[in-house]
Protein backbone atom coordinates (compact mmCIF):
# COMPACT_ATOMS: atom_id res chain seq x y z
CA MET A 1 -13.90 -7.30 -2.49
CA ALA A 2 -13.54 -3.62 -1.60
CA LEU A 3 -10.34 -2.28 -0.14
CA SER A 4 -10.41 -1.82 3.60
CA VAL A 5 -8.94 0.50 6.20
CA GLY A 6 -5.21 -0.05 6.53
CA SER A 7 -4.71 -0.98 2.86
CA THR A 8 -2.37 0.99 0.67
CA ALA A 9 -4.42 3.01 -1.80
CA PRO A 10 -3.80 1.83 -5.35
CA ASP A 11 -2.24 4.55 -7.47
CA PHE A 12 -4.05 5.63 -10.61
CA THR A 13 -4.02 8.19 -13.35
CA LEU A 14 -7.37 9.47 -14.63
CA THR A 15 -8.49 12.17 -17.03
CA THR A 16 -10.18 15.33 -15.85
CA LEU A 17 -11.20 18.43 -17.74
CA GLY A 18 -9.55 21.54 -16.40
CA ALA A 19 -9.86 25.15 -17.48
CA ASN A 20 -7.39 24.50 -20.31
CA GLY A 21 -8.87 21.20 -21.49
CA PRO A 22 -7.99 17.59 -20.65
CA GLU A 23 -5.52 17.02 -17.82
CA LEU A 24 -4.27 13.97 -15.99
CA PHE A 25 -4.79 13.44 -12.27
CA LYS A 26 -2.26 11.03 -10.77
CA LEU A 27 -3.13 10.03 -7.21
CA SER A 28 0.50 9.57 -6.12
CA GLU A 29 1.23 13.22 -6.99
CA HIS A 30 -1.26 14.28 -4.32
CA ILE A 31 -0.20 11.85 -1.58
CA GLY A 32 1.68 13.64 1.18
CA THR A 33 0.16 17.07 0.67
CA SER A 34 -3.22 16.51 2.31
CA SER A 35 -5.76 13.86 3.11
CA ILE A 36 -7.66 12.80 -0.01
CA LEU A 37 -11.35 12.00 -0.11
CA LEU A 38 -12.28 9.86 -3.12
CA LEU A 39 -16.00 9.82 -3.79
CA PHE A 40 -17.09 7.24 -6.33
CA VAL A 41 -20.55 7.84 -7.80
CA PRO A 42 -22.43 5.56 -10.19
CA MET A 43 -23.41 7.98 -12.96
CA ALA A 44 -23.54 11.62 -13.96
CA PHE A 45 -26.89 13.33 -14.39
CA THR A 46 -28.66 11.09 -11.87
CA GLY A 47 -30.57 12.45 -8.90
CA VAL A 48 -28.66 11.06 -5.93
CA CYS A 49 -25.25 11.58 -7.55
CA SER A 50 -26.14 15.19 -8.35
CA THR A 51 -27.43 15.79 -4.81
CA GLU A 52 -24.29 14.31 -3.27
CA LEU A 53 -21.80 16.31 -5.32
CA CYS A 54 -23.84 19.53 -5.27
CA ASP A 55 -24.08 19.40 -1.48
CA LEU A 56 -20.34 18.78 -1.24
CA SER A 57 -19.61 21.63 -3.62
CA LYS A 58 -21.66 23.99 -1.44
CA ASN A 59 -19.81 22.82 1.69
CA ILE A 60 -16.30 22.44 0.24
CA ASN A 61 -14.86 24.99 2.69
CA ALA A 62 -15.55 22.56 5.54
CA TYR A 63 -13.32 20.01 3.78
CA ASN A 64 -10.70 22.59 2.81
CA SER A 65 -10.43 23.63 6.46
CA LEU A 66 -9.63 20.00 7.30
CA ASN A 67 -6.80 20.00 4.71
CA ALA A 68 -8.65 17.53 2.51
CA LYS A 69 -8.62 17.29 -1.27
CA VAL A 70 -12.03 16.04 -2.46
CA VAL A 71 -12.51 14.46 -5.88
CA GLY A 72 -15.45 12.75 -7.52
CA ILE A 73 -14.97 9.68 -9.72
CA SER A 74 -17.43 8.10 -12.14
CA GLY A 75 -17.25 5.97 -15.25
CA ASP A 76 -18.61 8.77 -17.39
CA ASN A 77 -16.42 10.36 -20.04
CA PRO A 78 -14.81 13.67 -19.01
CA PHE A 79 -16.88 15.70 -21.48
CA ALA A 80 -20.13 14.37 -19.98
CA GLN A 81 -18.74 15.09 -16.50
CA LYS A 82 -17.95 18.67 -17.51
CA ALA A 83 -21.47 19.18 -18.89
CA TRP A 84 -22.91 17.70 -15.69
CA ALA A 85 -20.74 19.93 -13.49
CA GLU A 86 -21.78 23.02 -15.46
CA LYS A 87 -25.48 22.09 -15.37
CA GLU A 88 -25.50 21.30 -11.63
CA SER A 89 -22.86 23.81 -10.41
CA ILE A 90 -20.57 21.02 -9.20
CA THR A 91 -17.22 22.56 -8.33
CA LEU A 92 -15.41 19.40 -7.23
CA GLN A 93 -12.77 18.02 -9.54
CA LEU A 94 -14.34 15.12 -11.44
CA LEU A 95 -12.21 12.22 -12.64
CA SER A 96 -13.21 9.93 -15.49
CA ASP A 97 -12.77 6.21 -14.82
CA TYR A 98 -14.13 5.48 -18.27
CA ASP A 99 -12.59 2.02 -18.52
CA HIS A 100 -13.52 1.17 -14.89
CA LYS A 101 -9.95 0.14 -14.00
CA VAL A 102 -9.87 2.23 -10.82
CA THR A 103 -13.32 0.99 -9.82
CA GLU A 104 -12.02 -2.56 -10.21
CA ALA A 105 -8.77 -1.80 -8.34
CA TYR A 106 -10.79 -0.50 -5.38
CA GLY A 107 -13.11 -3.53 -5.57
CA ILE A 108 -16.34 -1.57 -5.85
CA ALA A 109 -17.82 -2.44 -9.26
CA TYR A 110 -21.38 -3.61 -9.67
CA GLU A 111 -21.59 -6.82 -11.64
CA SER A 112 -24.93 -5.58 -12.95
CA PHE A 113 -26.17 -2.07 -12.22
CA LEU A 114 -29.86 -1.96 -11.23
CA PRO A 115 -30.87 -5.25 -12.87
CA ALA A 116 -34.41 -4.88 -11.47
CA LYS A 117 -34.79 -1.87 -13.77
CA ASN A 118 -33.16 -3.71 -16.66
CA LEU A 119 -29.93 -1.72 -16.40
CA ILE A 120 -27.32 -4.43 -16.78
CA MET A 121 -24.25 -2.25 -17.23
CA GLY A 122 -21.35 -3.97 -15.53
CA GLY A 123 -18.43 -2.11 -13.99
CA VAL A 124 -20.44 0.85 -12.71
CA PRO A 125 -18.92 1.98 -9.38
CA LYS A 126 -20.87 1.53 -6.19
CA ARG A 127 -21.34 4.77 -4.31
CA SER A 128 -18.26 4.78 -2.13
CA ALA A 129 -16.02 6.99 -0.04
CA PHE A 130 -12.35 6.43 0.72
CA ILE A 131 -10.12 8.67 2.80
CA ILE A 132 -6.44 8.33 2.04
CA ASP A 133 -3.95 9.78 4.50
CA LYS A 134 -0.71 11.60 3.69
CA ALA A 135 1.16 8.27 3.71
CA GLY A 136 -1.15 6.76 1.07
CA ILE A 137 -3.00 4.48 3.49
CA ILE A 138 -6.79 4.13 3.44
CA GLN A 139 -8.13 5.45 6.76
CA TYR A 140 -11.84 5.31 5.95
CA ALA A 141 -13.75 3.07 3.57
CA GLU A 142 -17.49 3.04 2.97
CA VAL A 143 -19.05 1.11 0.10
CA LEU A 144 -22.80 1.24 -0.34
CA GLU A 145 -24.76 -1.49 -2.09
CA SER A 146 -27.77 0.72 -2.83
CA PRO A 147 -27.09 3.56 -5.27
CA GLY A 148 -29.81 5.53 -3.47
CA ASP A 149 -27.88 5.69 -0.20
CA LEU A 150 -25.36 8.42 0.65
CA PRO A 151 -22.09 8.04 2.54
CA ASP A 152 -21.96 9.05 6.21
CA PHE A 153 -20.51 12.53 5.79
CA THR A 154 -20.55 13.14 9.56
CA ALA A 155 -18.20 10.16 10.02
CA ILE A 156 -16.12 11.28 7.03
CA GLN A 157 -15.64 14.76 8.47
CA ALA A 158 -14.79 13.30 11.89
CA LYS A 159 -12.06 11.10 10.34
CA LEU A 160 -10.70 14.02 8.33
CA LYS A 161 -10.59 16.14 11.49
CA GLU A 162 -8.67 13.38 13.23
CA LEU A 163 -6.15 13.30 10.36
CA ALA A 164 -5.80 17.10 10.02
């Protein structure tokens, strides 16, 4: 079951590729400095995931003005994420949940991803959005069953404005 509003956000450490190579992103090191928007996406190089993160990259100033750190998380390896970001001009920091432990901790893993299309990969994250406040508490949680649906970014921005 997915985490809900009012829950303490589970801490995690994930790999990201920075300008100088692999780096670690530890959630608890960012708690207290700003609101954090975690965007889980099923897979790199897919249409809806690319649209979502490209649109966010183009509008990142709206989130920066609300004192929000925005990161994307998928189960792809960090080298694939970097290639995806370069190909699609995604400027958000992408975190690799390669072993799906964070997806499981947040309760958002598909048991079987798109079984109707014979994709039976378990552990793929459902498209989800979580806003974590400066105290480390989840203030917004949206988990979508259909990978083709996008989070409600109007509601996300409204919550971030409330927390700013």
